[in-house]
Amino acid sequence: MSTFTAEILAPRNVQARLASYAAFPLRLIVGYGFLAHGFAKWLKGPEVFAEILRATGVPIPHFMAWLTISTEITAGIAFLIGAFVPLVSVPAIILLAVAIFTVHLPYGFTSIKLLSVSNGRAQFGPPGFECDLLYIGSIVALALMGPTPWSIDKYRSLDASQHEPLNN
């Protein structure tokens, strides 16, 4: 094997080449999670979610229900395709922070609270804020990574670099 081939196949070079793809599975799970939550609220009816918000004391619950649903669906799609990730990260993190402080905080950190097992099926209590923090950490990582392969942001950055004016 030539020195050149050995250098390309060296573990550190393979790792460096593959590192830029690390965001892909992260984008998929975060994007799918946001979409799943947004579509669940939308399919049950924004009015149902607005009633939940009203019961927890959220002001202008109908508006906030629609804002939450549209943020989750828009951010979910953006994360999935890797488009405008730093921009959609801000409202997504705000949404998660609000969920932590208005819903999950009283239930502690742990998201899984086994209450009982009935007929071979586990029964769980209300979730804590663990998953919200995992989402926030993932979103921060995605925003800090910058454009990665298989993303619209990468395509946009390539297109923008082709149209930069020449410096004299």
C-alpha atoms as a PDB file:
ATOM      1  CA  MET A   1       0.000   0.000   0.000  1.00  0.00           C
ATOM      2  CA  SER A   2       1.355   3.398  -0.942  1.00  0.00           C
ATOM      3  CA  THR A   3       2.044   6.055   1.657  1.00  0.00           C
ATOM      4  CA  PHE A   4      -0.678   8.205   0.098  1.00  0.00           C
ATOM      5  CA  THR A   5      -3.306   5.419   0.395  1.00  0.00           C
ATOM      6  CA  ALA A   6      -2.227   4.621   3.952  1.00  0.00           C
ATOM      7  CA  GLU A   7      -2.546   8.304   4.877  1.00  0.00           C
ATOM      8  CA  ILE A   8      -6.063   8.572   3.435  1.00  0.00           C
ATOM      9  CA  LEU A   9      -7.216   5.389   5.180  1.00  0.00           C
ATOM     10  CA  ALA A  10      -5.648   6.299   8.518  1.00  0.00           C
ATOM     11  CA  PRO A  11      -8.258   6.282  11.293  1.00  0.00           C
ATOM     12  CA  ARG A  12      -7.849   9.983  12.038  1.00  0.00           C
ATOM     13  CA  ASN A  13      -8.508  10.917   8.386  1.00  0.00           C
ATOM     14  CA  VAL A  14     -11.572   8.692   8.142  1.00  0.00           C
ATOM     15  CA  GLN A  15     -12.880  10.141  11.383  1.00  0.00           C
ATOM     16  CA  ALA A  16     -12.245  13.704  10.189  1.00  0.00           C
ATOM     17  CA  ARG A  17     -14.062  13.028   6.912  1.00  0.00           C
ATOM     18  CA  LEU A  18     -17.019  11.398   8.635  1.00  0.00           C
ATOM     19  CA  ALA A  19     -17.318  13.966  11.449  1.00  0.00           C
ATOM     20  CA  SER A  20     -19.176  16.402   9.222  1.00  0.00           C
ATOM     21  CA  TYR A  21     -21.949  13.798   8.828  1.00  0.00           C
ATOM     22  CA  ALA A  22     -22.510  13.520  12.607  1.00  0.00           C
ATOM     23  CA  ALA A  23     -25.259  16.117  12.486  1.00  0.00           C
ATOM     24  CA  PHE A  24     -27.372  14.061  10.094  1.00  0.00           C
ATOM     25  CA  PRO A  25     -28.839  11.553  12.594  1.00  0.00           C
ATOM     26  CA  LEU A  26     -29.173  14.342  15.154  1.00  0.00           C
ATOM     27  CA  ARG A  27     -31.105  16.488  12.671  1.00  0.00           C
ATOM     28  CA  LEU A  28     -33.365  13.539  11.833  1.00  0.00           C
ATOM     29  CA  ILE A  29     -34.356  12.756  15.409  1.00  0.00           C
ATOM     30  CA  VAL A  30     -34.789  16.403  16.471  1.00  0.00           C
ATOM     31  CA  GLY A  31     -36.730  17.214  13.302  1.00  0.00           C
ATOM     32  CA  TYR A  32     -38.937  14.148  13.593  1.00  0.00           C
ATOM     33  CA  GLY A  33     -39.572  14.851  17.290  1.00  0.00           C
ATOM     34  CA  PHE A  34     -40.679  18.409  16.639  1.00  0.00           C
ATOM     35  CA  LEU A  35     -42.863  17.340  13.709  1.00  0.00           C
ATOM     36  CA  ALA A  36     -44.454  14.522  15.707  1.00  0.00           C
ATOM     37  CA  HIS A  37     -45.338  16.863  18.582  1.00  0.00           C
ATOM     38  CA  GLY A  38     -46.621  19.590  16.258  1.00  0.00           C
ATOM     39  CA  PHE A  39     -48.742  17.253  14.132  1.00  0.00           C
ATOM     40  CA  ALA A  40     -50.153  15.507  17.226  1.00  0.00           C
ATOM     41  CA  LYS A  41     -51.384  18.864  18.542  1.00  0.00           C
ATOM     42  CA  TRP A  42     -52.697  19.896  15.129  1.00  0.00           C
ATOM     43  CA  LEU A  43     -54.514  16.613  14.469  1.00  0.00           C
ATOM     44  CA  LYS A  44     -56.215  16.640  17.884  1.00  0.00           C
ATOM     45  CA  GLY A  45     -57.220  20.213  17.160  1.00  0.00           C
ATOM     46  CA  PRO A  46     -55.562  23.453  18.205  1.00  0.00           C
ATOM     47  CA  GLU A  47     -58.637  24.153  20.353  1.00  0.00           C
ATOM     48  CA  VAL A  48     -57.847  21.092  22.495  1.00  0.00           C
ATOM     49  CA  PHE A  49     -54.282  22.286  23.033  1.00  0.00           C
ATOM     50  CA  ALA A  50     -55.550  25.828  23.704  1.00  0.00           C
ATOM     51  CA  GLU A  51     -57.745  24.442  26.507  1.00  0.00           C
ATOM     52  CA  ILE A  52     -54.706  22.744  28.046  1.00  0.00           C
ATOM     53  CA  LEU A  53     -52.808  26.031  27.839  1.00  0.00           C
ATOM     54  CA  ARG A  54     -55.762  27.909  29.361  1.00  0.00           C
ATOM     55  CA  ALA A  55     -55.891  25.403  32.263  1.00  0.00           C
ATOM     56  CA  THR A  56     -52.191  25.979  32.981  1.00  0.00           C
ATOM     57  CA  GLY A  57     -52.639  29.761  33.012  1.00  0.00           C
ATOM     58  CA  VAL A  58     -50.985  30.600  29.704  1.00  0.00           C
ATOM     59  CA  PRO A  59     -52.166  34.012  28.436  1.00  0.00           C
ATOM     60  CA  ILE A  60     -53.921  34.221  25.039  1.00  0.00           C
ATOM     61  CA  PRO A  61     -54.100  30.413  24.873  1.00  0.00           C
ATOM     62  CA  HIS A  62     -55.631  30.126  21.397  1.00  0.00           C
ATOM     63  CA  PHE A  63     -52.904  32.287  19.854  1.00  0.00           C
ATOM     64  CA  MET A  64     -50.208  30.470  21.851  1.00  0.00           C
ATOM     65  CA  ALA A  65     -51.583  27.089  20.728  1.00  0.00           C
ATOM     66  CA  TRP A  66     -51.273  28.089  17.074  1.00  0.00           C
ATOM     67  CA  LEU A  67     -47.851  29.660  17.676  1.00  0.00           C
ATOM     68  CA  THR A  68     -46.607  26.481  19.366  1.00  0.00           C
ATOM     69  CA  ILE A  69     -47.976  24.189  16.655  1.00  0.00           C
ATOM     70  CA  SER A  70     -46.580  26.288  13.814  1.00  0.00           C
ATOM     71  CA  THR A  71     -43.204  26.607  15.562  1.00  0.00           C
ATOM     72  CA  GLU A  72     -42.969  22.843  16.105  1.00  0.00           C
ATOM     73  CA  ILE A  73     -43.924  21.997  12.521  1.00  0.00           C
ATOM     74  CA  THR A  74     -41.754  24.691  10.930  1.00  0.00           C
ATOM     75  CA  ALA A  75     -38.740  23.925  13.132  1.00  0.00           C
ATOM     76  CA  GLY A  76     -39.233  20.183  12.587  1.00  0.00           C
ATOM     77  CA  ILE A  77     -39.112  20.549   8.814  1.00  0.00           C
ATOM     78  CA  ALA A  78     -36.156  22.950   9.019  1.00  0.00           C
ATOM     79  CA  PHE A  79     -34.154  20.567  11.227  1.00  0.00           C
ATOM     80  CA  LEU A  80     -34.967  17.586   9.000  1.00  0.00           C
ATOM     81  CA  ILE A  81     -33.722  19.258   5.847  1.00  0.00           C
ATOM     82  CA  GLY A  82     -31.014  21.315   7.542  1.00  0.00           C
ATOM     83  CA  ALA A  83     -32.429  24.676   6.507  1.00  0.00           C
ATOM     84  CA  PHE A  84     -31.915  27.881   8.495  1.00  0.00           C
ATOM     85  CA  VAL A  85     -30.921  25.801  11.538  1.00  0.00           C
ATOM     86  CA  PRO A  86     -29.408  28.669  13.587  1.00  0.00           C
ATOM     87  CA  LEU A  87     -32.492  30.804  12.919  1.00  0.00           C
ATOM     88  CA  VAL A  88     -35.136  28.185  13.844  1.00  0.00           C
ATOM     89  CA  SER A  89     -33.073  27.131  16.854  1.00  0.00           C
ATOM     90  CA  VAL A  90     -34.036  30.291  18.746  1.00  0.00           C
ATOM     91  CA  PRO A  91     -37.842  29.828  18.778  1.00  0.00           C
ATOM     92  CA  ALA A  92     -37.427  26.067  19.245  1.00  0.00           C
ATOM     93  CA  ILE A  93     -35.288  26.549  22.361  1.00  0.00           C
ATOM     94  CA  ILE A  94     -37.673  29.209  23.695  1.00  0.00           C
ATOM     95  CA  LEU A  95     -40.568  26.783  23.211  1.00  0.00           C
ATOM     96  CA  LEU A  96     -38.704  24.046  25.098  1.00  0.00           C
ATOM     97  CA  ALA A  97     -37.719  26.425  27.913  1.00  0.00           C
ATOM     98  CA  VAL A  98     -41.348  27.490  28.315  1.00  0.00           C
ATOM     99  CA  ALA A  99     -42.392  23.812  28.423  1.00  0.00           C
ATOM    100  CA  ILE A 100     -39.805  23.157  31.137  1.00  0.00           C
ATOM    101  CA  PHE A 101     -40.919  26.039  33.358  1.00  0.00           C
ATOM    102  CA  THR A 102     -44.676  25.788  32.804  1.00  0.00           C
ATOM    103  CA  VAL A 103     -45.207  22.016  32.617  1.00  0.00           C
ATOM    104  CA  HIS A 104     -42.267  19.712  33.403  1.00  0.00           C
ATOM    105  CA  LEU A 105     -40.325  21.399  36.226  1.00  0.00           C
ATOM    106  CA  PRO A 106     -42.645  20.288  39.056  1.00  0.00           C
ATOM    107  CA  TYR A 107     -42.089  16.640  38.028  1.00  0.00           C
ATOM    108  CA  GLY A 108     -38.309  16.780  38.422  1.00  0.00           C
ATOM    109  CA  PHE A 109     -35.568  15.809  36.028  1.00  0.00           C
ATOM    110  CA  THR A 110     -36.384  12.224  35.050  1.00  0.00           C
ATOM    111  CA  SER A 111     -38.655  11.721  32.070  1.00  0.00           C
ATOM    112  CA  ILE A 112     -39.554   8.113  32.849  1.00  0.00           C
ATOM    113  CA  LYS A 113     -41.431   7.473  36.087  1.00  0.00           C
ATOM    114  CA  LEU A 114     -42.661   3.898  36.303  1.00  0.00           C
ATOM    115  CA  LEU A 115     -45.833   3.883  38.397  1.00  0.00           C
ATOM    116  CA  SER A 116     -46.991   0.315  37.892  1.00  0.00           C
ATOM    117  CA  VAL A 117     -47.270  -2.597  35.511  1.00  0.00           C
ATOM    118  CA  SER A 118     -50.772  -3.693  34.597  1.00  0.00           C
ATOM    119  CA  ASN A 119     -51.547  -6.574  32.231  1.00  0.00           C
ATOM    120  CA  GLY A 120     -47.898  -6.679  31.228  1.00  0.00           C
ATOM    121  CA  ARG A 121     -47.874  -3.000  30.252  1.00  0.00           C
ATOM    122  CA  ALA A 122     -45.956  -0.277  32.020  1.00  0.00           C
ATOM    123  CA  GLN A 123     -47.854   2.720  33.364  1.00  0.00           C
ATOM    124  CA  PHE A 124     -45.856   5.944  33.577  1.00  0.00           C
ATOM    125  CA  GLY A 125     -46.290   9.193  35.464  1.00  0.00           C
ATOM    126  CA  PRO A 126     -45.868  12.720  34.151  1.00  0.00           C
ATOM    127  CA  PRO A 127     -42.505  13.398  32.496  1.00  0.00           C
ATOM    128  CA  GLY A 128     -39.847  15.658  33.949  1.00  0.00           C
ATOM    129  CA  PHE A 129     -37.664  18.034  31.962  1.00  0.00           C
ATOM    130  CA  GLU A 130     -34.941  15.560  30.906  1.00  0.00           C
ATOM    131  CA  CYS A 131     -36.122  15.227  27.284  1.00  0.00           C
ATOM    132  CA  ASP A 132     -36.522  18.984  26.930  1.00  0.00           C
ATOM    133  CA  LEU A 133     -32.890  19.431  27.998  1.00  0.00           C
ATOM    134  CA  LEU A 134     -31.777  16.724  25.567  1.00  0.00           C
ATOM    135  CA  TYR A 135     -33.579  18.544  22.756  1.00  0.00           C
ATOM    136  CA  ILE A 136     -32.049  21.880  23.788  1.00  0.00           C
ATOM    137  CA  GLY A 137     -28.551  20.354  23.897  1.00  0.00           C
ATOM    138  CA  SER A 138     -29.062  18.753  20.482  1.00  0.00           C
ATOM    139  CA  ILE A 139     -30.348  21.975  18.962  1.00  0.00           C
ATOM    140  CA  VAL A 140     -27.430  23.977  20.364  1.00  0.00           C
ATOM    141  CA  ALA A 141     -25.015  21.394  18.934  1.00  0.00           C
ATOM    142  CA  LEU A 142     -26.703  21.573  15.515  1.00  0.00           C
ATOM    143  CA  ALA A 143     -26.589  25.367  15.500  1.00  0.00           C
ATOM    144  CA  LEU A 144     -22.908  25.423  16.521  1.00  0.00           C
ATOM    145  CA  MET A 145     -21.852  22.787  13.967  1.00  0.00           C
ATOM    146  CA  GLY A 146     -22.782  25.027  11.082  1.00  0.00           C
ATOM    147  CA  PRO A 147     -23.773  23.765   7.645  1.00  0.00           C
ATOM    148  CA  THR A 148     -23.122  20.066   7.140  1.00  0.00           C
ATOM    149  CA  PRO A 149     -23.384  17.698   4.172  1.00  0.00           C
ATOM    150  CA  TRP A 150     -26.910  16.706   3.122  1.00  0.00           C
ATOM    151  CA  SER A 151     -28.364  20.011   4.313  1.00  0.00           C
ATOM    152  CA  ILE A 152     -29.989  22.972   2.637  1.00  0.00           C
ATOM    153  CA  ASP A 153     -27.733  25.265   4.671  1.00  0.00           C
ATOM    154  CA  LYS A 154     -24.662  23.607   3.110  1.00  0.00           C
ATOM    155  CA  TYR A 155     -26.128  24.090  -0.355  1.00  0.00           C
ATOM    156  CA  ARG A 156     -26.928  27.724   0.468  1.00  0.00           C
ATOM    157  CA  SER A 157     -23.371  28.320   1.753  1.00  0.00           C
ATOM    158  CA  LEU A 158     -21.898  26.825  -1.431  1.00  0.00           C
ATOM    159  CA  ASP A 159     -24.173  28.953  -3.598  1.00  0.00           C
ATOM    160  CA  ALA A 160     -23.316  32.105  -1.631  1.00  0.00           C
ATOM    161  CA  SER A 161     -19.565  31.446  -1.892  1.00  0.00           C
ATOM    162  CA  GLN A 162     -19.862  31.254  -5.690  1.00  0.00           C
ATOM    163  CA  HIS A 163     -21.359  34.741  -5.830  1.00  0.00           C
ATOM    164  CA  GLU A 164     -18.999  36.596  -3.498  1.00  0.00           C
ATOM    165  CA  PRO A 165     -17.547  39.784  -4.989  1.00  0.00           C
ATOM    166  CA  LEU A 166     -13.832  39.791  -5.751  1.00  0.00           C
ATOM    167  CA  ASN A 167     -11.671  41.887  -3.460  1.00  0.00           C
ATOM    168  CA  ASN A 168      -9.235  44.175  -5.285  1.00  0.00           C
END
